[in-house]
Every structure is written in structure tokens, then in C-alpha cells.
Amino acid sequence: MKRVSPVRFLIDGGVIAATLSFAMASCLGAPRILQALAADRIFPFLLPFAKGSGSADNPRQALLLSLGIGFGRHPWIAVWRDLTTNFKR
């Protein structure tokens, strides 16, 4: 596609923007889903993550857990991350 486009830099910019958009949606969506699962008591061990912070009920504890899973170096976290995501190291 870059070979036939008169403005090649726009294709690069679009790919970068789409990648960053997907990453932001994942970082913001996963904690809310985790909080909803905890609030519905689907998995009892997730109950501490049901409580939100502030008037908007922001899922701070769930965000920290999601970041820990995403960036974790512990072997069991790495296995879980590799099983549940498309991001392989």
C-alpha cells in the first residue's frame, strides 16, 4: 500500500495511531470488566476488586492488578499473560 500512496507517511501514522488506540482501550477496558466480574460475585476471590474509587467508581485496585499481570516478571504471571494475550515476549 505504501508503494502506491502519494503520502506514505500518513499510512505509518495511521498504523501507529491504531496500535496506540488498541493499547489504550485494553488498558482502560480490562480493569472495568474485572471490577464488574467482582461486583457480580461471579468469582468470589475477586471480591476485593469490586470497590471503586471516587464518584466515578474508578477501578484502581483492578487497574493495579491488570498492570501487574501485563508487566509481571513472576513465572506464573508470565504463563497467565501468555495464555490470555496476543503479546508474546
N, C-alpha and C. Protein backbone atom coordinates (compact mmCIF):
# COMPACT_ATOMS: atom_id res chain seq x y z
N MET A 1 0.82 -1.18 0.00
CA MET A 1 0.00 0.00 0.00
C MET A 1 0.87 1.26 0.00
N LYS A 2 2.00 1.20 0.71
CA LYS A 2 2.88 2.36 0.75
C LYS A 2 3.50 2.65 -0.61
N ARG A 3 3.60 1.62 -1.46
CA ARG A 3 4.22 1.83 -2.77
C ARG A 3 3.33 2.64 -3.70
N VAL A 4 2.02 2.57 -3.53
CA VAL A 4 1.11 3.27 -4.45
C VAL A 4 0.55 4.56 -3.85
N SER A 5 0.83 4.82 -2.60
CA SER A 5 0.27 6.00 -1.94
C SER A 5 1.15 7.22 -2.20
N PRO A 6 0.52 8.35 -2.52
CA PRO A 6 1.32 9.57 -2.69
C PRO A 6 1.78 10.16 -1.36
N VAL A 7 1.13 9.81 -0.27
CA VAL A 7 1.50 10.32 1.05
C VAL A 7 1.78 9.14 1.98
N ARG A 8 2.95 8.57 1.86
CA ARG A 8 3.32 7.36 2.59
C ARG A 8 3.34 7.56 4.10
N PHE A 9 3.71 8.74 4.55
CA PHE A 9 3.81 8.97 5.99
C PHE A 9 2.45 8.87 6.67
N LEU A 10 1.36 9.13 5.94
CA LEU A 10 0.03 9.00 6.54
C LEU A 10 -0.31 7.54 6.87
N ILE A 11 0.20 6.62 6.08
CA ILE A 11 -0.04 5.20 6.37
C ILE A 11 0.69 4.81 7.64
N ASP A 12 1.93 5.24 7.78
CA ASP A 12 2.68 4.96 9.01
C ASP A 12 1.98 5.57 10.22
N GLY A 13 1.54 6.81 10.08
CA GLY A 13 0.83 7.48 11.18
C GLY A 13 -0.47 6.77 11.54
N GLY A 14 -1.18 6.27 10.54
CA GLY A 14 -2.42 5.55 10.80
C GLY A 14 -2.19 4.24 11.53
N VAL A 15 -1.14 3.53 11.15
CA VAL A 15 -0.82 2.27 11.82
C VAL A 15 -0.42 2.53 13.27
N ILE A 16 0.37 3.56 13.51
CA ILE A 16 0.78 3.89 14.87
C ILE A 16 -0.43 4.33 15.69
N ALA A 17 -1.30 5.15 15.12
CA ALA A 17 -2.49 5.62 15.84
C ALA A 17 -3.42 4.45 16.18
N ALA A 18 -3.60 3.52 15.26
CA ALA A 18 -4.46 2.37 15.52
C ALA A 18 -3.88 1.48 16.61
N THR A 19 -2.57 1.31 16.61
CA THR A 19 -1.92 0.49 17.64
C THR A 19 -2.07 1.13 19.01
N LEU A 20 -1.83 2.42 19.11
CA LEU A 20 -1.96 3.11 20.40
C LEU A 20 -3.41 3.13 20.87
N SER A 21 -4.35 3.26 19.95
CA SER A 21 -5.76 3.23 20.31
C SER A 21 -6.15 1.88 20.90
N PHE A 22 -5.68 0.80 20.28
CA PHE A 22 -5.96 -0.54 20.80
C PHE A 22 -5.35 -0.73 22.18
N ALA A 23 -4.13 -0.26 22.37
CA ALA A 23 -3.46 -0.40 23.67
C ALA A 23 -4.20 0.38 24.75
N MET A 24 -4.64 1.59 24.44
CA MET A 24 -5.37 2.38 25.43
C MET A 24 -6.71 1.74 25.77
N ALA A 25 -7.40 1.22 24.77
CA ALA A 25 -8.69 0.58 25.02
C ALA A 25 -8.52 -0.65 25.90
N SER A 26 -7.46 -1.40 25.69
CA SER A 26 -7.20 -2.58 26.52
C SER A 26 -6.86 -2.18 27.95
N CYS A 27 -6.05 -1.16 28.10
CA CYS A 27 -5.65 -0.73 29.45
C CYS A 27 -6.81 -0.13 30.23
N LEU A 28 -7.75 0.48 29.56
CA LEU A 28 -8.88 1.10 30.25
C LEU A 28 -10.07 0.16 30.38
N GLY A 29 -10.22 -0.78 29.46
CA GLY A 29 -11.37 -1.67 29.48
C GLY A 29 -11.23 -2.86 30.40
N ALA A 30 -10.06 -3.44 30.47
CA ALA A 30 -9.85 -4.65 31.27
C ALA A 30 -10.14 -4.44 32.76
N PRO A 31 -9.67 -3.35 33.38
CA PRO A 31 -9.99 -3.16 34.80
C PRO A 31 -11.49 -2.99 35.07
N ARG A 32 -12.20 -2.35 34.16
CA ARG A 32 -13.66 -2.19 34.34
C ARG A 32 -14.37 -3.53 34.25
N ILE A 33 -13.92 -4.38 33.34
CA ILE A 33 -14.51 -5.72 33.23
C ILE A 33 -14.21 -6.52 34.48
N LEU A 34 -12.98 -6.44 34.97
CA LEU A 34 -12.61 -7.15 36.20
C LEU A 34 -13.44 -6.65 37.38
N GLN A 35 -13.65 -5.34 37.47
CA GLN A 35 -14.47 -4.78 38.53
C GLN A 35 -15.92 -5.26 38.42
N ALA A 36 -16.45 -5.34 37.22
CA ALA A 36 -17.82 -5.81 37.03
C ALA A 36 -17.96 -7.28 37.41
N LEU A 37 -16.97 -8.10 37.05
CA LEU A 37 -17.00 -9.51 37.45
C LEU A 37 -16.96 -9.65 38.97
N ALA A 38 -16.16 -8.82 39.61
CA ALA A 38 -16.07 -8.87 41.07
C ALA A 38 -17.37 -8.39 41.71
N ALA A 39 -17.95 -7.32 41.19
CA ALA A 39 -19.18 -6.78 41.76
C ALA A 39 -20.36 -7.74 41.60
N ASP A 40 -20.36 -8.52 40.53
CA ASP A 40 -21.43 -9.50 40.31
C ASP A 40 -21.21 -10.79 41.08
N ARG A 41 -20.08 -10.87 41.79
CA ARG A 41 -19.73 -12.03 42.61
C ARG A 41 -19.68 -13.33 41.79
N ILE A 42 -19.20 -13.21 40.56
CA ILE A 42 -19.05 -14.38 39.70
C ILE A 42 -17.91 -15.25 40.20
N PHE A 43 -16.81 -14.60 40.58
CA PHE A 43 -15.67 -15.29 41.17
C PHE A 43 -15.44 -14.69 42.55
N PRO A 44 -15.71 -15.44 43.61
CA PRO A 44 -15.62 -14.88 44.97
C PRO A 44 -14.22 -14.35 45.34
N PHE A 45 -13.17 -14.92 44.77
CA PHE A 45 -11.82 -14.46 45.11
C PHE A 45 -11.51 -13.08 44.53
N LEU A 46 -12.36 -12.57 43.64
CA LEU A 46 -12.16 -11.24 43.06
C LEU A 46 -12.88 -10.14 43.84
N LEU A 47 -13.56 -10.50 44.91
CA LEU A 47 -14.38 -9.55 45.66
C LEU A 47 -13.63 -8.28 46.08
N PRO A 48 -12.35 -8.33 46.45
CA PRO A 48 -11.66 -7.07 46.81
C PRO A 48 -11.57 -6.07 45.67
N PHE A 49 -11.74 -6.51 44.45
CA PHE A 49 -11.64 -5.62 43.30
C PHE A 49 -12.98 -5.00 42.90
N ALA A 50 -14.04 -5.29 43.64
CA ALA A 50 -15.37 -4.77 43.31
C ALA A 50 -15.52 -3.30 43.69
N LYS A 51 -14.78 -2.84 44.67
CA LYS A 51 -14.92 -1.48 45.16
C LYS A 51 -14.16 -0.51 44.24
N GLY A 52 -14.85 0.55 43.86
CA GLY A 52 -14.24 1.58 43.04
C GLY A 52 -13.84 2.78 43.89
N SER A 53 -13.19 3.73 43.26
CA SER A 53 -12.71 4.93 43.95
C SER A 53 -13.37 6.17 43.36
N GLY A 54 -13.73 7.10 44.21
CA GLY A 54 -14.27 8.37 43.77
C GLY A 54 -15.72 8.29 43.32
N SER A 55 -16.22 9.42 42.83
CA SER A 55 -17.62 9.49 42.42
C SER A 55 -17.88 8.73 41.12
N ALA A 56 -16.84 8.53 40.32
CA ALA A 56 -17.00 7.81 39.05
C ALA A 56 -16.79 6.31 39.23
N ASP A 57 -16.51 5.87 40.46
CA ASP A 57 -16.31 4.45 40.76
C ASP A 57 -15.17 3.86 39.92
N ASN A 58 -14.05 4.58 39.87
CA ASN A 58 -12.90 4.12 39.09
C ASN A 58 -12.26 2.88 39.72
N PRO A 59 -11.94 1.88 38.91
CA PRO A 59 -11.40 0.62 39.43
C PRO A 59 -9.89 0.65 39.66
N ARG A 60 -9.43 1.34 40.68
CA ARG A 60 -7.98 1.48 40.91
C ARG A 60 -7.32 0.15 41.25
N GLN A 61 -7.95 -0.64 42.13
CA GLN A 61 -7.35 -1.92 42.50
C GLN A 61 -7.28 -2.85 41.29
N ALA A 62 -8.33 -2.87 40.48
CA ALA A 62 -8.34 -3.71 39.28
C ALA A 62 -7.31 -3.24 38.27
N LEU A 63 -7.09 -1.93 38.19
CA LEU A 63 -6.07 -1.40 37.29
C LEU A 63 -4.68 -1.86 37.72
N LEU A 64 -4.42 -1.82 39.02
CA LEU A 64 -3.12 -2.28 39.51
C LEU A 64 -2.91 -3.77 39.24
N LEU A 65 -3.97 -4.56 39.41
CA LEU A 65 -3.86 -5.99 39.10
C LEU A 65 -3.60 -6.20 37.61
N SER A 66 -4.31 -5.47 36.77
CA SER A 66 -4.11 -5.60 35.32
C SER A 66 -2.70 -5.20 34.91
N LEU A 67 -2.19 -4.12 35.49
CA LEU A 67 -0.82 -3.72 35.19
C LEU A 67 0.18 -4.75 35.69
N GLY A 68 -0.09 -5.33 36.86
CA GLY A 68 0.79 -6.37 37.38
C GLY A 68 0.83 -7.59 36.48
N ILE A 69 -0.33 -7.96 35.94
CA ILE A 69 -0.37 -9.09 35.02
C ILE A 69 0.35 -8.74 33.73
N GLY A 70 0.12 -7.52 33.24
CA GLY A 70 0.72 -7.12 31.97
C GLY A 70 2.22 -6.98 32.01
N PHE A 71 2.75 -6.48 33.12
CA PHE A 71 4.18 -6.23 33.21
C PHE A 71 4.89 -7.15 34.17
N GLY A 72 4.19 -8.15 34.68
CA GLY A 72 4.75 -9.02 35.70
C GLY A 72 5.91 -9.87 35.21
N ARG A 73 6.85 -10.11 36.10
CA ARG A 73 8.02 -10.92 35.78
C ARG A 73 7.98 -12.27 36.48
N HIS A 74 7.02 -12.46 37.38
CA HIS A 74 6.92 -13.73 38.09
C HIS A 74 6.53 -14.83 37.11
N PRO A 75 7.06 -16.03 37.22
CA PRO A 75 6.79 -17.08 36.25
C PRO A 75 5.31 -17.41 36.05
N TRP A 76 4.52 -17.47 37.12
CA TRP A 76 3.12 -17.82 36.92
C TRP A 76 2.35 -16.68 36.27
N ILE A 77 2.79 -15.43 36.50
CA ILE A 77 2.15 -14.30 35.82
C ILE A 77 2.51 -14.33 34.34
N ALA A 78 3.75 -14.68 34.02
CA ALA A 78 4.17 -14.76 32.62
C ALA A 78 3.38 -15.84 31.88
N VAL A 79 3.16 -16.97 32.52
CA VAL A 79 2.38 -18.05 31.87
C VAL A 79 0.95 -17.58 31.64
N TRP A 80 0.34 -16.96 32.66
CA TRP A 80 -1.04 -16.47 32.53
C TRP A 80 -1.14 -15.41 31.44
N ARG A 81 -0.15 -14.49 31.39
CA ARG A 81 -0.16 -13.44 30.38
C ARG A 81 -0.06 -14.05 28.98
N ASP A 82 0.82 -15.03 28.81
CA ASP A 82 0.99 -15.65 27.50
C ASP A 82 -0.24 -16.44 27.06
N LEU A 83 -0.96 -16.99 28.02
CA LEU A 83 -2.18 -17.73 27.68
C LEU A 83 -3.35 -16.82 27.33
N THR A 84 -3.38 -15.63 27.91
CA THR A 84 -4.55 -14.76 27.75
C THR A 84 -4.35 -13.59 26.82
N THR A 85 -3.16 -13.36 26.30
CA THR A 85 -2.95 -12.22 25.42
C THR A 85 -2.25 -12.66 24.15
N ASN A 86 -2.21 -11.72 23.21
CA ASN A 86 -1.51 -11.95 21.95
C ASN A 86 -0.09 -11.40 22.00
N PHE A 87 0.30 -10.82 23.12
CA PHE A 87 1.60 -10.19 23.23
C PHE A 87 2.61 -11.17 23.81
N LYS A 88 3.40 -11.77 22.96
CA LYS A 88 4.43 -12.73 23.39
C LYS A 88 5.76 -12.01 23.51
N ARG A 89 6.56 -12.44 24.45
CA ARG A 89 7.90 -11.85 24.59
C ARG A 89 8.92 -12.79 24.01
